[in-house]
């Protein structure tokens, strides 16, 4: 049975607005955070993405071939499952559209043999995964910045208890919290 891992960048005020404007994270990126992300993607046998994140990542990562970059190589090679209400099909970049209801499709993927499904997404798709209790491990990259507005990571009104399993501070001030839901 697969586990679903969520990797998301979050501001101090809980905003995870990556699909709208990811520029606020750039000044904090370093080799420590890259190593953590590389570990996550190496543990996964597939990605779960919302349509906007799939399109954004495909545009950013697919041109990065033959650069002797292990992260780019892995991002380009790994299968990707895409949740979308507006697209009937996904073309290229090893993408497959989740069939039918996205939450039911993720449940079916979790039941298959494999290691991990890594979620890079934002907005409604992540919120629905969180509300449906489909995330098994949260990797929150907490950035030392307050954005003041944007989409929150956790849906308003949600009550969820998490257990901290590790903390990894980076020299740039980002703290990576790894948490698991209390079940």
Protein backbone atom coordinates (compact mmCIF):
# COMPACT_ATOMS: atom_id res chain seq x y z
CA UNK A 1 0.00 0.00 0.00
CA UNK A 2 1.35 3.40 -0.97
CA UNK A 3 1.65 6.42 1.30
CA UNK A 4 0.81 9.94 0.17
CA UNK A 5 3.43 12.57 1.00
CA UNK A 6 2.69 16.29 0.72
CA UNK A 7 5.53 18.73 0.07
CA UNK A 8 4.45 22.34 0.28
CA UNK A 9 5.96 25.77 0.89
CA UNK A 10 4.12 27.75 3.54
CA UNK A 11 4.45 31.29 4.89
CA UNK A 12 4.33 32.01 8.62
CA UNK A 13 0.70 33.03 8.24
CA UNK A 14 -0.22 29.69 6.65
CA UNK A 15 -0.36 30.72 3.00
CA UNK A 16 0.68 28.14 0.40
CA UNK A 17 -0.15 30.12 -2.71
CA UNK A 18 2.42 28.42 -4.97
CA UNK A 19 0.25 28.15 -8.07
CA UNK A 20 -0.44 31.89 -8.05
CA UNK A 21 2.95 33.43 -7.24
CA UNK A 22 5.96 31.42 -6.10
CA UNK A 23 8.44 34.31 -6.15
CA UNK A 24 8.30 34.72 -2.37
CA UNK A 25 10.12 31.40 -1.87
CA UNK A 26 13.10 32.06 -4.14
CA UNK A 27 15.30 34.05 -1.72
CA UNK A 28 15.17 31.18 0.78
CA UNK A 29 16.15 28.29 -1.52
CA UNK A 30 19.47 26.60 -0.77
CA UNK A 31 21.27 23.26 -1.04
CA UNK A 32 19.76 21.98 2.23
CA UNK A 33 16.22 22.42 0.93
CA UNK A 34 17.18 21.01 -2.45
CA UNK A 35 18.54 17.89 -0.73
CA UNK A 36 15.29 17.46 1.20
CA UNK A 37 13.23 17.81 -1.99
CA UNK A 38 15.57 15.41 -3.81
CA UNK A 39 15.09 12.85 -1.04
CA UNK A 40 11.31 13.18 -1.26
CA UNK A 41 11.18 12.73 -5.02
CA UNK A 42 13.62 9.82 -4.88
CA UNK A 43 11.33 8.07 -2.36
CA UNK A 44 8.28 8.49 -4.61
CA UNK A 45 7.27 6.31 -7.50
CA UNK A 46 4.79 8.89 -8.85
CA UNK A 47 3.65 12.49 -8.39
CA UNK A 48 0.13 13.73 -7.68
CA UNK A 49 -0.44 17.19 -9.12
CA UNK A 50 -3.27 19.61 -9.67
CA UNK A 51 -3.64 20.74 -13.29
CA UNK A 52 -2.15 24.20 -12.71
CA UNK A 53 0.89 22.78 -10.91
CA UNK A 54 1.34 20.15 -13.65
CA UNK A 55 1.35 22.85 -16.32
CA UNK A 56 3.66 25.11 -14.29
CA UNK A 57 6.09 22.27 -13.54
CA UNK A 58 6.04 20.96 -17.12
CA UNK A 59 6.95 24.42 -18.37
CA UNK A 60 9.72 24.78 -15.77
CA UNK A 61 11.20 21.27 -15.70
CA UNK A 62 10.75 19.70 -19.15
CA UNK A 63 13.29 22.00 -20.86
CA UNK A 64 15.88 21.00 -18.25
CA UNK A 65 17.31 17.93 -19.93
CA UNK A 66 20.92 16.92 -20.28
CA UNK A 67 21.95 19.38 -17.57
CA UNK A 68 23.49 16.77 -15.26
CA UNK A 69 20.84 17.74 -12.71
CA UNK A 70 19.50 14.75 -10.72
CA UNK A 71 16.40 16.68 -9.62
CA UNK A 72 15.50 17.64 -13.20
CA UNK A 73 16.16 14.11 -14.41
CA UNK A 74 13.85 12.66 -11.75
CA UNK A 75 11.14 15.30 -12.25
CA UNK A 76 11.09 14.62 -15.97
CA UNK A 77 11.13 10.81 -15.67
CA UNK A 78 8.66 10.13 -12.85
CA UNK A 79 5.01 9.34 -13.75
CA UNK A 80 2.53 12.08 -12.88
CA UNK A 81 -1.15 11.76 -12.00
CA UNK A 82 -3.07 14.97 -12.58
CA UNK A 83 -6.35 16.13 -11.01
CA UNK A 84 -8.38 18.41 -13.25
CA UNK A 85 -12.00 19.43 -13.59
CA UNK A 86 -11.41 21.34 -16.82
CA UNK A 87 -9.24 18.96 -18.88
CA UNK A 88 -10.43 15.75 -20.51
CA UNK A 89 -6.89 14.53 -21.19
CA UNK A 90 -3.30 15.29 -20.29
CA UNK A 91 -0.64 15.12 -22.95
CA UNK A 92 3.08 14.71 -22.51
CA UNK A 93 5.53 14.93 -19.63
CA UNK A 94 4.56 11.46 -18.35
CA UNK A 95 1.19 12.79 -17.23
CA UNK A 96 -2.05 10.86 -16.80
CA UNK A 97 -5.38 12.37 -15.87
CA UNK A 98 -6.94 10.96 -12.70
CA UNK A 99 -10.06 9.13 -13.87
CA UNK A 100 -13.43 10.07 -12.39
CA UNK A 101 -13.59 11.59 -8.94
CA UNK A 102 -10.06 12.66 -7.96
CA UNK A 103 -10.36 11.55 -4.32
CA UNK A 104 -11.60 8.09 -5.32
CA UNK A 105 -8.78 7.84 -7.86
CA UNK A 106 -6.21 8.73 -5.17
CA UNK A 107 -7.69 6.10 -2.86
CA UNK A 108 -7.30 3.52 -5.65
CA UNK A 109 -3.69 4.61 -6.26
CA UNK A 110 -2.94 4.26 -2.54
CA UNK A 111 -4.18 0.65 -2.62
CA UNK A 112 -1.74 -0.29 -5.39
CA UNK A 113 1.71 -1.70 -4.76
CA UNK A 114 4.42 0.90 -4.64
CA UNK A 115 6.21 3.19 -2.27
CA UNK A 116 4.99 6.78 -2.15
CA UNK A 117 2.86 9.23 -4.07
CA UNK A 118 4.34 12.72 -3.72
CA UNK A 119 1.92 15.64 -3.85
CA UNK A 120 3.10 18.93 -5.26
CA UNK A 121 -0.07 20.95 -5.55
CA UNK A 122 -1.96 23.81 -4.09
CA UNK A 123 -5.40 25.17 -3.64
CA UNK A 124 -8.50 23.06 -3.80
CA UNK A 125 -6.84 19.74 -4.72
CA UNK A 126 -4.58 19.74 -1.66
CA UNK A 127 -7.42 21.01 0.53
CA UNK A 128 -9.63 18.15 -0.61
CA UNK A 129 -6.84 15.60 0.04
CA UNK A 130 -6.34 17.02 3.54
CA UNK A 131 -10.07 17.05 4.32
CA UNK A 132 -10.46 13.46 3.07
CA UNK A 133 -7.55 12.39 5.32
CA UNK A 134 -5.56 11.07 2.35
CA UNK A 135 -2.23 12.69 3.33
CA UNK A 136 0.00 10.31 5.30
CA UNK A 137 3.01 12.60 5.74
CA UNK A 138 3.26 16.39 5.59
CA UNK A 139 6.54 18.12 4.67
CA UNK A 140 5.88 21.79 5.39
CA UNK A 141 8.63 24.16 4.30
CA UNK A 142 7.83 27.04 6.66
CA UNK A 143 9.30 30.28 5.28
CA UNK A 144 10.16 33.27 7.50
CA UNK A 145 7.78 35.59 5.68
CA UNK A 146 4.24 36.84 6.27
CA UNK A 147 2.25 37.22 3.04
CA UNK A 148 -0.92 38.73 4.47
CA UNK A 149 -3.22 37.24 1.84
CA UNK A 150 -3.54 34.25 -0.44
CA UNK A 151 -4.78 30.69 -0.25
CA UNK A 152 -4.24 29.00 3.11
CA UNK A 153 -2.81 25.48 3.19
CA UNK A 154 -5.49 24.16 5.52
CA UNK A 155 -9.14 24.71 4.58
CA UNK A 156 -10.93 27.17 6.89
CA UNK A 157 -12.77 25.46 9.72
CA UNK A 158 -10.75 22.24 9.44
CA UNK A 159 -9.72 20.60 12.69
CA UNK A 160 -6.87 18.10 12.40
CA UNK A 161 -4.32 16.82 14.90
CA UNK A 162 -0.80 16.17 13.60
CA UNK A 163 2.25 14.65 15.25
CA UNK A 164 5.66 16.21 14.62
CA UNK A 165 8.13 13.54 13.48
CA UNK A 166 11.10 15.73 12.56
CA UNK A 167 12.31 19.30 12.29
CA UNK A 168 15.03 20.43 9.89
CA UNK A 169 16.14 24.07 10.04
CA UNK A 170 17.92 25.52 7.02
CA UNK A 171 20.49 28.31 7.07
CA UNK A 172 18.10 30.58 5.14
CA UNK A 173 15.55 30.52 7.96
CA UNK A 174 13.21 27.95 6.43
CA UNK A 175 12.19 25.18 8.79
CA UNK A 176 11.01 21.90 7.33
CA UNK A 177 8.44 20.27 9.59
CA UNK A 178 7.58 16.64 8.94
CA UNK A 179 4.25 15.69 10.46
CA UNK A 180 1.86 12.75 10.36
CA UNK A 181 -1.86 12.78 11.08
CA UNK A 182 -3.05 11.32 14.35
CA UNK A 183 -5.42 8.51 13.37
